[in-house]
Amino acid sequence: MLCRYHLPQLHEELGSCTRDCRMCPHGLRREHGDVILTSQQKLARPDGERKMPESTQPTVVLVHGAFADASGFGGVIRELSTSGYRVLAPPNPLRSLAGDAAAVSVVAGTVDGPVVLVGHSYGGAVITQASAALTNVVGLIYLAAFSLEVGESCASVQAPFPASLLAATVEPTPYDAPGAPDGPDLFIGEGRFRETFCADVPVDLAQVMCATQRPLAVAAFTENATAAGWKSIPSWYLVAAQDNAISPEAERFMARRMSSTTEEIDGSHTAFIAQPVRTADFIKTALGKF
């Protein structure tokens, strides 16, 4: 049975399927019982597996999450660029997990050289899915983000943990999400947007973020992952200790499951906006391993 990556309409959008269909995650799918390597073991993989040229510095690809766009990475981008790193921050469509991963894959896959993917929030689920089929991805960095197992969704991975404030403040649209497979879009209600999403940024900035928030399709939030790149790629995780959008307990669980190099930041779900220097330093520490 052909997967969605082989649907004719998707190929019409993305062009012919090249590189032996490396965008398709099926060939790299692992089962739940596979051995999960530590970050150090992943860095010490045998020759021929995701090995980067010794003299090549990774390109950083930042992937934003729900209720936001890539402009939120502005402070982090400035810090990384000043340190000499090339940074890309493509738009994340927020329509479906497979489609969003395909969109990020097109950008990251065309980079000449190694890539480190950085995902925030739902963007973590996207880099998890996309990275499994990209041979130039050498590292994954999660900023208060979802890291999914095969067969798991952003909704299901949180089920065992205390409900976040977001569960009470998110609002579905009365219409179907444009461009999504089915179901409505999700927005954060205006009244408690700052408290839920960005409690540590100034009130005026939070008002702008609320007015410009990009919705997440319910279809994307509930879609199961079909690949998990973190099983073979070293990862780093920055837990947001004051997160009201994803339970910090869930974040710690996902980091432990990946055997990630983990640190905590005393901040909200968007601590990378309020503390760009601290966040960039965390990313640079990971980049220093390559």
C-alpha atoms as a PDB file:
ATOM      1  CA  MET A   1       0.000   0.000   0.000  1.00  0.00           C
ATOM      2  CA  LEU A   2       1.445   3.377  -1.006  1.00  0.00           C
ATOM      3  CA  CYS A   3       2.023   5.934   1.722  1.00  0.00           C
ATOM      4  CA  ARG A   4       0.948   9.565   1.536  1.00  0.00           C
ATOM      5  CA  TYR A   5       4.429  10.564   0.340  1.00  0.00           C
ATOM      6  CA  HIS A   6       3.714   8.703  -2.873  1.00  0.00           C
ATOM      7  CA  LEU A   7       0.379  10.356  -3.604  1.00  0.00           C
ATOM      8  CA  PRO A   8       0.430  11.910  -7.084  1.00  0.00           C
ATOM      9  CA  GLN A   9      -0.885  15.250  -5.895  1.00  0.00           C
ATOM     10  CA  LEU A  10       1.963  15.618  -3.394  1.00  0.00           C
ATOM     11  CA  HIS A  11       4.532  14.803  -6.051  1.00  0.00           C
ATOM     12  CA  GLU A  12       2.975  17.453  -8.273  1.00  0.00           C
ATOM     13  CA  GLU A  13       3.597  19.988  -5.519  1.00  0.00           C
ATOM     14  CA  LEU A  14       7.081  18.874  -4.539  1.00  0.00           C
ATOM     15  CA  GLY A  15       8.363  17.658  -7.902  1.00  0.00           C
ATOM     16  CA  SER A  16       9.541  14.207  -8.821  1.00  0.00           C
ATOM     17  CA  CYS A  17      10.470  11.842  -6.024  1.00  0.00           C
ATOM     18  CA  THR A  18      14.262  11.902  -5.973  1.00  0.00           C
ATOM     19  CA  ARG A  19      17.056  10.445  -3.869  1.00  0.00           C
ATOM     20  CA  ASP A  20      15.370   7.050  -3.834  1.00  0.00           C
ATOM     21  CA  CYS A  21      12.343   8.528  -2.063  1.00  0.00           C
ATOM     22  CA  ARG A  22      14.335   9.586   0.988  1.00  0.00           C
ATOM     23  CA  MET A  23      11.443  11.817   2.054  1.00  0.00           C
ATOM     24  CA  CYS A  24       9.376   8.709   2.648  1.00  0.00           C
ATOM     25  CA  PRO A  25       9.751   7.605   6.281  1.00  0.00           C
ATOM     26  CA  HIS A  26       8.676   4.004   5.692  1.00  0.00           C
ATOM     27  CA  GLY A  27      12.149   2.746   4.864  1.00  0.00           C
ATOM     28  CA  LEU A  28      13.495   4.147   8.120  1.00  0.00           C
ATOM     29  CA  ARG A  29      10.645   3.219  10.417  1.00  0.00           C
ATOM     30  CA  ARG A  30      11.698   1.550  13.657  1.00  0.00           C
ATOM     31  CA  GLU A  31       9.611  -0.549  15.976  1.00  0.00           C
ATOM     32  CA  HIS A  32       8.951   0.387  19.601  1.00  0.00           C
ATOM     33  CA  GLY A  33      11.307  -2.305  20.847  1.00  0.00           C
ATOM     34  CA  ASP A  34      14.417  -1.052  19.071  1.00  0.00           C
ATOM     35  CA  VAL A  35      17.439  -0.106  21.143  1.00  0.00           C
ATOM     36  CA  ILE A  36      17.571   3.673  21.655  1.00  0.00           C
ATOM     37  CA  LEU A  37      21.104   5.050  21.664  1.00  0.00           C
ATOM     38  CA  THR A  38      22.364   7.788  23.940  1.00  0.00           C
ATOM     39  CA  SER A  39      23.424  11.076  22.379  1.00  0.00           C
ATOM     40  CA  GLN A  40      27.085  10.157  22.747  1.00  0.00           C
ATOM     41  CA  GLN A  41      26.534   6.772  21.097  1.00  0.00           C
ATOM     42  CA  LYS A  42      24.685   8.451  18.249  1.00  0.00           C
ATOM     43  CA  LEU A  43      27.577  10.855  17.745  1.00  0.00           C
ATOM     44  CA  ALA A  44      29.939   7.871  17.549  1.00  0.00           C
ATOM     45  CA  ARG A  45      28.041   6.081  14.751  1.00  0.00           C
ATOM     46  CA  PRO A  46      30.036   3.957  12.284  1.00  0.00           C
ATOM     47  CA  ASP A  47      31.361   5.565   9.101  1.00  0.00           C
ATOM     48  CA  GLY A  48      28.713   5.994   6.438  1.00  0.00           C
ATOM     49  CA  GLU A  49      25.838   6.835   8.779  1.00  0.00           C
ATOM     50  CA  ARG A  50      24.986  10.532   8.798  1.00  0.00           C
ATOM     51  CA  LYS A  51      28.647  11.461   9.048  1.00  0.00           C
ATOM     52  CA  MET A  52      29.481  15.081   8.251  1.00  0.00           C
ATOM     53  CA  PRO A  53      32.732  16.435   6.790  1.00  0.00           C
ATOM     54  CA  GLU A  54      35.060  17.376   9.628  1.00  0.00           C
ATOM     55  CA  SER A  55      35.557  20.948   8.415  1.00  0.00           C
ATOM     56  CA  THR A  56      31.898  21.742   7.742  1.00  0.00           C
ATOM     57  CA  GLN A  57      29.886  23.788  10.245  1.00  0.00           C
ATOM     58  CA  PRO A  58      26.228  22.799  10.533  1.00  0.00           C
ATOM     59  CA  THR A  59      23.451  25.009   9.251  1.00  0.00           C
ATOM     60  CA  VAL A  60      20.794  25.649  11.894  1.00  0.00           C
ATOM     61  CA  VAL A  61      17.195  25.222  10.741  1.00  0.00           C
ATOM     62  CA  LEU A  62      14.686  26.628  13.232  1.00  0.00           C
ATOM     63  CA  VAL A  63      11.133  25.263  13.094  1.00  0.00           C
ATOM     64  CA  HIS A  64       8.438  27.207  14.928  1.00  0.00           C
ATOM     65  CA  GLY A  65       5.399  25.674  16.560  1.00  0.00           C
ATOM     66  CA  ALA A  66       1.703  26.439  16.884  1.00  0.00           C
ATOM     67  CA  PHE A  67       0.199  29.866  17.625  1.00  0.00           C
ATOM     68  CA  ALA A  68       3.335  31.599  16.353  1.00  0.00           C
ATOM     69  CA  ASP A  69       5.545  32.150  13.342  1.00  0.00           C
ATOM     70  CA  ALA A  70       9.281  32.171  12.685  1.00  0.00           C
ATOM     71  CA  SER A  71       9.676  35.834  13.676  1.00  0.00           C
ATOM     72  CA  GLY A  72       9.692  34.726  17.321  1.00  0.00           C
ATOM     73  CA  PHE A  73      13.172  33.328  16.723  1.00  0.00           C
ATOM     74  CA  GLY A  74      14.506  36.828  15.985  1.00  0.00           C
ATOM     75  CA  GLY A  75      16.618  37.151  19.127  1.00  0.00           C
ATOM     76  CA  VAL A  76      18.003  33.630  18.821  1.00  0.00           C
ATOM     77  CA  ILE A  77      18.820  34.182  15.144  1.00  0.00           C
ATOM     78  CA  ARG A  78      20.756  37.353  15.962  1.00  0.00           C
ATOM     79  CA  GLU A  79      22.787  35.559  18.629  1.00  0.00           C
ATOM     80  CA  LEU A  80      23.601  32.585  16.392  1.00  0.00           C
ATOM     81  CA  SER A  81      24.377  34.727  13.346  1.00  0.00           C
ATOM     82  CA  THR A  82      26.686  36.924  15.378  1.00  0.00           C
ATOM     83  CA  SER A  83      28.564  33.766  16.369  1.00  0.00           C
ATOM     84  CA  GLY A  84      29.054  32.870  12.712  1.00  0.00           C
ATOM     85  CA  TYR A  85      26.341  30.268  12.199  1.00  0.00           C
ATOM     86  CA  ARG A  86      24.141  30.131   9.124  1.00  0.00           C
ATOM     87  CA  VAL A  87      20.490  30.077  10.199  1.00  0.00           C
ATOM     88  CA  LEU A  88      17.279  29.322   8.308  1.00  0.00           C
ATOM     89  CA  ALA A  89      13.772  29.662   9.754  1.00  0.00           C
ATOM     90  CA  PRO A  90      11.242  28.392   7.216  1.00  0.00           C
ATOM     91  CA  PRO A  91       7.475  28.676   7.723  1.00  0.00           C
ATOM     92  CA  ASN A  92       5.752  25.696   9.296  1.00  0.00           C
ATOM     93  CA  PRO A  93       2.320  25.265   7.630  1.00  0.00           C
ATOM     94  CA  LEU A  94       0.657  23.831  10.794  1.00  0.00           C
ATOM     95  CA  ARG A  95      -1.805  21.838   8.655  1.00  0.00           C
ATOM     96  CA  SER A  96      -0.820  18.169   9.118  1.00  0.00           C
ATOM     97  CA  LEU A  97       2.164  16.426  10.651  1.00  0.00           C
ATOM     98  CA  ALA A  98       3.149  14.567   7.476  1.00  0.00           C
ATOM     99  CA  GLY A  99       2.627  17.610   5.265  1.00  0.00           C
ATOM    100  CA  ASP A 100       4.459  19.955   7.639  1.00  0.00           C
ATOM    101  CA  ALA A 101       7.380  17.520   7.881  1.00  0.00           C
ATOM    102  CA  ALA A 102       7.506  17.341   4.092  1.00  0.00           C
ATOM    103  CA  ALA A 103       7.633  21.145   3.875  1.00  0.00           C
ATOM    104  CA  VAL A 104      10.547  21.339   6.330  1.00  0.00           C
ATOM    105  CA  SER A 105      12.283  18.430   4.586  1.00  0.00           C
ATOM    106  CA  VAL A 106      12.291  20.311   1.289  1.00  0.00           C
ATOM    107  CA  VAL A 107      14.168  23.214   2.913  1.00  0.00           C
ATOM    108  CA  ALA A 108      16.571  21.194   5.076  1.00  0.00           C
ATOM    109  CA  GLY A 109      17.224  18.623   2.356  1.00  0.00           C
ATOM    110  CA  THR A 110      18.527  21.252  -0.053  1.00  0.00           C
ATOM    111  CA  VAL A 111      21.165  22.535   2.382  1.00  0.00           C
ATOM    112  CA  ASP A 112      24.651  21.689   1.133  1.00  0.00           C
ATOM    113  CA  GLY A 113      26.221  20.214   4.248  1.00  0.00           C
ATOM    114  CA  PRO A 114      25.153  19.082   7.697  1.00  0.00           C
ATOM    115  CA  VAL A 115      22.018  20.424   9.348  1.00  0.00           C
ATOM    116  CA  VAL A 116      20.916  20.725  12.966  1.00  0.00           C
ATOM    117  CA  LEU A 117      17.140  20.971  13.289  1.00  0.00           C
ATOM    118  CA  VAL A 118      15.718  23.013  16.160  1.00  0.00           C
ATOM    119  CA  GLY A 119      12.023  22.691  16.962  1.00  0.00           C
ATOM    120  CA  HIS A 120       9.823  24.605  19.373  1.00  0.00           C
ATOM    121  CA  SER A 121       6.547  23.148  20.663  1.00  0.00           C
ATOM    122  CA  TYR A 122       4.690  21.425  17.779  1.00  0.00           C
ATOM    123  CA  GLY A 123       7.801  22.130  15.688  1.00  0.00           C
ATOM    124  CA  GLY A 124       9.479  19.371  17.689  1.00  0.00           C
ATOM    125  CA  ALA A 125       7.015  16.822  16.318  1.00  0.00           C
ATOM    126  CA  VAL A 126       7.761  18.091  12.815  1.00  0.00           C
ATOM    127  CA  ILE A 127      11.549  17.741  13.121  1.00  0.00           C
ATOM    128  CA  THR A 128      11.093  14.302  14.696  1.00  0.00           C
ATOM    129  CA  GLN A 129       9.167  13.129  11.640  1.00  0.00           C
ATOM    130  CA  ALA A 130      11.242  14.962   9.022  1.00  0.00           C
ATOM    131  CA  SER A 131      14.701  14.045  10.338  1.00  0.00           C
ATOM    132  CA  ALA A 132      14.241  10.294   9.938  1.00  0.00           C
ATOM    133  CA  ALA A 133      14.388  10.646   6.162  1.00  0.00           C
ATOM    134  CA  LEU A 134      17.095  13.320   5.894  1.00  0.00           C
ATOM    135  CA  THR A 135      20.649  11.999   5.711  1.00  0.00           C
ATOM    136  CA  ASN A 136      22.237  15.424   6.255  1.00  0.00           C
ATOM    137  CA  VAL A 137      20.620  15.988   9.670  1.00  0.00           C
ATOM    138  CA  VAL A 138      23.230  15.424  12.376  1.00  0.00           C
ATOM    139  CA  GLY A 139      21.476  16.780  15.465  1.00  0.00           C
ATOM    140  CA  LEU A 140      18.054  17.574  16.906  1.00  0.00           C
ATOM    141  CA  ILE A 141      17.362  20.312  19.452  1.00  0.00           C
ATOM    142  CA  TYR A 142      14.023  20.563  21.235  1.00  0.00           C
ATOM    143  CA  LEU A 143      12.861  23.785  22.900  1.00  0.00           C
ATOM    144  CA  ALA A 144       9.890  22.922  25.135  1.00  0.00           C
ATOM    145  CA  ALA A 145       8.852  20.717  22.247  1.00  0.00           C
ATOM    146  CA  PHE A 146       7.092  17.500  21.329  1.00  0.00           C
ATOM    147  CA  SER A 147       9.292  14.506  20.510  1.00  0.00           C
ATOM    148  CA  LEU A 148       7.044  11.682  19.397  1.00  0.00           C
ATOM    149  CA  GLU A 149       7.368   7.922  19.180  1.00  0.00           C
ATOM    150  CA  VAL A 150       6.055   6.137  16.098  1.00  0.00           C
ATOM    151  CA  GLY A 151       2.283   5.804  16.462  1.00  0.00           C
ATOM    152  CA  GLU A 152       2.061   8.713  18.913  1.00  0.00           C
ATOM    153  CA  SER A 153       0.524  12.169  18.478  1.00  0.00           C
ATOM    154  CA  CYS A 154       0.986  15.503  20.235  1.00  0.00           C
ATOM    155  CA  ALA A 155      -2.331  14.831  21.932  1.00  0.00           C
ATOM    156  CA  SER A 156      -1.648  11.274  23.059  1.00  0.00           C
ATOM    157  CA  VAL A 157       1.873  11.818  24.420  1.00  0.00           C
ATOM    158  CA  GLN A 158       0.480  14.278  26.998  1.00  0.00           C
ATOM    159  CA  ALA A 159      -2.345  12.034  28.209  1.00  0.00           C
ATOM    160  CA  PRO A 160      -0.492  10.503  31.208  1.00  0.00           C
ATOM    161  CA  PHE A 161       0.507  13.906  32.603  1.00  0.00           C
ATOM    162  CA  PRO A 162      -1.327  16.779  34.305  1.00  0.00           C
ATOM    163  CA  ALA A 163      -3.333  18.847  31.839  1.00  0.00           C
ATOM    164  CA  SER A 164      -1.708  22.139  30.905  1.00  0.00           C
ATOM    165  CA  LEU A 165      -3.479  25.487  31.052  1.00  0.00           C
ATOM    166  CA  LEU A 166      -3.624  25.386  27.258  1.00  0.00           C
ATOM    167  CA  ALA A 167      -6.183  22.583  27.466  1.00  0.00           C
ATOM    168  CA  ALA A 168      -8.599  25.098  29.025  1.00  0.00           C
ATOM    169  CA  THR A 169      -7.747  28.188  26.970  1.00  0.00           C
ATOM    170  CA  VAL A 170      -7.517  26.800  23.433  1.00  0.00           C
ATOM    171  CA  GLU A 171     -10.548  27.474  21.245  1.00  0.00           C
ATOM    172  CA  PRO A 172     -11.625  25.656  18.054  1.00  0.00           C
ATOM    173  CA  THR A 173     -12.924  27.613  15.101  1.00  0.00           C
ATOM    174  CA  PRO A 174     -16.545  27.117  13.982  1.00  0.00           C
ATOM    175  CA  TYR A 175     -15.238  26.306  10.494  1.00  0.00           C
ATOM    176  CA  ASP A 176     -12.922  23.669   9.033  1.00  0.00           C
ATOM    177  CA  ALA A 177      -9.240  24.568   8.914  1.00  0.00           C
ATOM    178  CA  PRO A 178      -8.305  25.751   5.404  1.00  0.00           C
ATOM    179  CA  GLY A 179      -5.756  23.417   3.807  1.00  0.00           C
ATOM    180  CA  ALA A 180      -6.014  20.769   6.532  1.00  0.00           C
ATOM    181  CA  PRO A 181      -7.325  17.222   5.984  1.00  0.00           C
ATOM    182  CA  ASP A 182     -10.327  17.788   8.235  1.00  0.00           C
ATOM    183  CA  GLY A 183     -11.497  19.415  11.460  1.00  0.00           C
ATOM    184  CA  PRO A 184     -11.208  22.979  12.782  1.00  0.00           C
ATOM    185  CA  ASP A 185      -8.288  25.236  13.564  1.00  0.00           C
ATOM    186  CA  LEU A 186      -7.185  25.955  17.112  1.00  0.00           C
ATOM    187  CA  PHE A 187      -6.438  29.392  18.587  1.00  0.00           C
ATOM    188  CA  ILE A 188      -5.558  30.484  22.122  1.00  0.00           C
ATOM    189  CA  GLY A 189      -8.271  32.677  23.613  1.00  0.00           C
ATOM    190  CA  GLU A 190      -7.351  36.344  23.883  1.00  0.00           C
ATOM    191  CA  GLY A 191      -8.174  36.676  27.575  1.00  0.00           C
ATOM    192  CA  ARG A 192      -5.500  34.280  28.832  1.00  0.00           C
ATOM    193  CA  PHE A 193      -3.099  34.190  25.881  1.00  0.00           C
ATOM    194  CA  ARG A 194      -0.129  35.691  27.727  1.00  0.00           C
ATOM    195  CA  GLU A 195      -0.594  33.507  30.801  1.00  0.00           C
ATOM    196  CA  THR A 196      -0.850  30.381  28.667  1.00  0.00           C
ATOM    197  CA  PHE A 197       1.793  30.992  26.042  1.00  0.00           C
ATOM    198  CA  CYS A 198       4.274  33.730  26.878  1.00  0.00           C
ATOM    199  CA  ALA A 199       3.973  34.822  30.504  1.00  0.00           C
ATOM    200  CA  ASP A 200       7.539  36.159  30.623  1.00  0.00           C
ATOM    201  CA  VAL A 201       7.356  38.654  27.733  1.00  0.00           C
ATOM    202  CA  PRO A 202       6.124  42.268  28.096  1.00  0.00           C
ATOM    203  CA  VAL A 203       2.369  42.804  27.941  1.00  0.00           C
ATOM    204  CA  ASP A 204       2.532  44.864  24.737  1.00  0.00           C
ATOM    205  CA  LEU A 205       4.544  42.161  22.966  1.00  0.00           C
ATOM    206  CA  ALA A 206       2.118  39.490  24.166  1.00  0.00           C
ATOM    207  CA  GLN A 207      -0.740  41.521  22.684  1.00  0.00           C
ATOM    208  CA  VAL A 208       0.984  41.540  19.300  1.00  0.00           C
ATOM    209  CA  MET A 209       1.724  37.817  19.532  1.00  0.00           C
ATOM    210  CA  CYS A 210      -1.915  37.130  20.339  1.00  0.00           C
ATOM    211  CA  ALA A 211      -3.204  39.230  17.453  1.00  0.00           C
ATOM    212  CA  THR A 212      -0.819  37.582  14.982  1.00  0.00           C
ATOM    213  CA  GLN A 213      -0.992  33.996  16.267  1.00  0.00           C
ATOM    214  CA  ARG A 214      -1.113  31.346  13.568  1.00  0.00           C
ATOM    215  CA  PRO A 215      -3.605  28.566  14.255  1.00  0.00           C
ATOM    216  CA  LEU A 216      -2.814  24.872  14.468  1.00  0.00           C
ATOM    217  CA  ALA A 217      -5.133  22.472  12.667  1.00  0.00           C
ATOM    218  CA  VAL A 218      -6.663  19.855  14.965  1.00  0.00           C
ATOM    219  CA  ALA A 219      -5.672  17.320  12.304  1.00  0.00           C
ATOM    220  CA  ALA A 220      -1.986  18.129  12.892  1.00  0.00           C
ATOM    221  CA  PHE A 221      -2.308  17.937  16.670  1.00  0.00           C
ATOM    222  CA  THR A 222      -3.934  14.498  16.577  1.00  0.00           C
ATOM    223  CA  GLU A 223      -1.979  12.904  13.701  1.00  0.00           C
ATOM    224  CA  ASN A 224       0.300  10.015  14.657  1.00  0.00           C
ATOM    225  CA  ALA A 225       3.981  10.101  13.808  1.00  0.00           C
ATOM    226  CA  THR A 226       5.211   7.488  11.337  1.00  0.00           C
ATOM    227  CA  ALA A 227       8.939   8.026  11.963  1.00  0.00           C
ATOM    228  CA  ALA A 228      11.184   9.147  14.816  1.00  0.00           C
ATOM    229  CA  GLY A 229      14.580  10.509  13.833  1.00  0.00           C
ATOM    230  CA  TRP A 230      15.753  10.850  17.439  1.00  0.00           C
ATOM    231  CA  LYS A 231      16.279   7.094  17.612  1.00  0.00           C
ATOM    232  CA  SER A 232      19.455   7.415  15.544  1.00  0.00           C
ATOM    233  CA  ILE A 233      20.312  11.134  15.783  1.00  0.00           C
ATOM    234  CA  PRO A 234      21.748  12.790  18.927  1.00  0.00           C
ATOM    235  CA  SER A 235      19.372  15.180  20.647  1.00  0.00           C
ATOM    236  CA  TRP A 236      19.304  18.037  23.144  1.00  0.00           C
ATOM    237  CA  TYR A 237      16.278  19.207  25.122  1.00  0.00           C
ATOM    238  CA  LEU A 238      15.611  22.527  26.855  1.00  0.00           C
ATOM    239  CA  VAL A 239      12.754  22.072  29.349  1.00  0.00           C
ATOM    240  CA  ALA A 240      10.704  25.174  30.159  1.00  0.00           C
ATOM    241  CA  ALA A 241      10.126  24.886  33.909  1.00  0.00           C
ATOM    242  CA  GLN A 242       7.209  27.355  33.955  1.00  0.00           C
ATOM    243  CA  ASP A 243       5.497  26.065  30.812  1.00  0.00           C
ATOM    244  CA  ASN A 244       1.693  26.430  30.756  1.00  0.00           C
ATOM    245  CA  ALA A 245       1.232  25.035  27.249  1.00  0.00           C
ATOM    246  CA  ILE A 246       2.993  21.655  27.642  1.00  0.00           C
ATOM    247  CA  SER A 247       3.394  20.074  31.053  1.00  0.00           C
ATOM    248  CA  PRO A 248       7.051  20.292  32.156  1.00  0.00           C
ATOM    249  CA  GLU A 249       6.610  16.710  33.386  1.00  0.00           C
ATOM    250  CA  ALA A 250       5.756  15.644  29.852  1.00  0.00           C
ATOM    251  CA  GLU A 251       8.786  17.525  28.548  1.00  0.00           C
ATOM    252  CA  ARG A 252      11.095  15.783  31.006  1.00  0.00           C
ATOM    253  CA  PHE A 253       9.612  12.415  30.041  1.00  0.00           C
ATOM    254  CA  MET A 254      10.194  13.020  26.331  1.00  0.00           C
ATOM    255  CA  ALA A 255      13.761  14.159  26.987  1.00  0.00           C
ATOM    256  CA  ARG A 256      14.532  11.077  29.092  1.00  0.00           C
ATOM    257  CA  ARG A 257      13.023   8.767  26.500  1.00  0.00           C
ATOM    258  CA  MET A 258      15.356  10.164  23.852  1.00  0.00           C
ATOM    259  CA  SER A 259      18.375  10.036  26.185  1.00  0.00           C
ATOM    260  CA  SER A 260      18.789  13.718  25.357  1.00  0.00           C
ATOM    261  CA  THR A 261      21.344  16.065  26.808  1.00  0.00           C
ATOM    262  CA  THR A 262      18.918  18.088  28.921  1.00  0.00           C
ATOM    263  CA  GLU A 263      18.857  21.463  30.638  1.00  0.00           C
ATOM    264  CA  GLU A 264      16.036  23.487  32.203  1.00  0.00           C
ATOM    265  CA  ILE A 265      15.246  27.145  31.767  1.00  0.00           C
ATOM    266  CA  ASP A 266      13.153  29.096  34.267  1.00  0.00           C
ATOM    267  CA  GLY A 267      10.681  30.442  31.773  1.00  0.00           C
ATOM    268  CA  SER A 268       7.405  30.079  29.931  1.00  0.00           C
ATOM    269  CA  HIS A 269       6.558  28.053  26.841  1.00  0.00           C
ATOM    270  CA  THR A 270       8.271  30.768  24.782  1.00  0.00           C
ATOM    271  CA  ALA A 271      11.278  31.257  27.040  1.00  0.00           C
ATOM    272  CA  PHE A 272      13.432  31.450  23.893  1.00  0.00           C
ATOM    273  CA  ILE A 273      11.788  34.819  23.150  1.00  0.00           C
ATOM    274  CA  ALA A 274      12.241  36.223  26.655  1.00  0.00           C
ATOM    275  CA  GLN A 275      15.735  34.735  27.069  1.00  0.00           C
ATOM    276  CA  PRO A 276      17.321  34.547  23.590  1.00  0.00           C
ATOM    277  CA  VAL A 277      20.913  34.663  24.843  1.00  0.00           C
ATOM    278  CA  ARG A 278      20.407  31.758  27.242  1.00  0.00           C
ATOM    279  CA  THR A 279      18.605  29.770  24.544  1.00  0.00           C
ATOM    280  CA  ALA A 280      21.230  30.515  21.906  1.00  0.00           C
ATOM    281  CA  ASP A 281      23.965  29.450  24.322  1.00  0.00           C
ATOM    282  CA  PHE A 282      22.166  26.120  24.772  1.00  0.00           C
ATOM    283  CA  ILE A 283      21.995  25.667  21.005  1.00  0.00           C
ATOM    284  CA  LYS A 284      25.648  26.655  20.569  1.00  0.00           C
ATOM    285  CA  THR A 285      26.695  24.115  23.182  1.00  0.00           C
ATOM    286  CA  ALA A 286      25.048  21.426  21.075  1.00  0.00           C
ATOM    287  CA  LEU A 287      26.578  22.789  17.873  1.00  0.00           C
ATOM    288  CA  GLY A 288      29.975  22.624  19.503  1.00  0.00           C
ATOM    289  CA  LYS A 289      29.751  18.831  19.437  1.00  0.00           C
ATOM    290  CA  PHE A 290      30.030  18.750  15.651  1.00  0.00           C
END
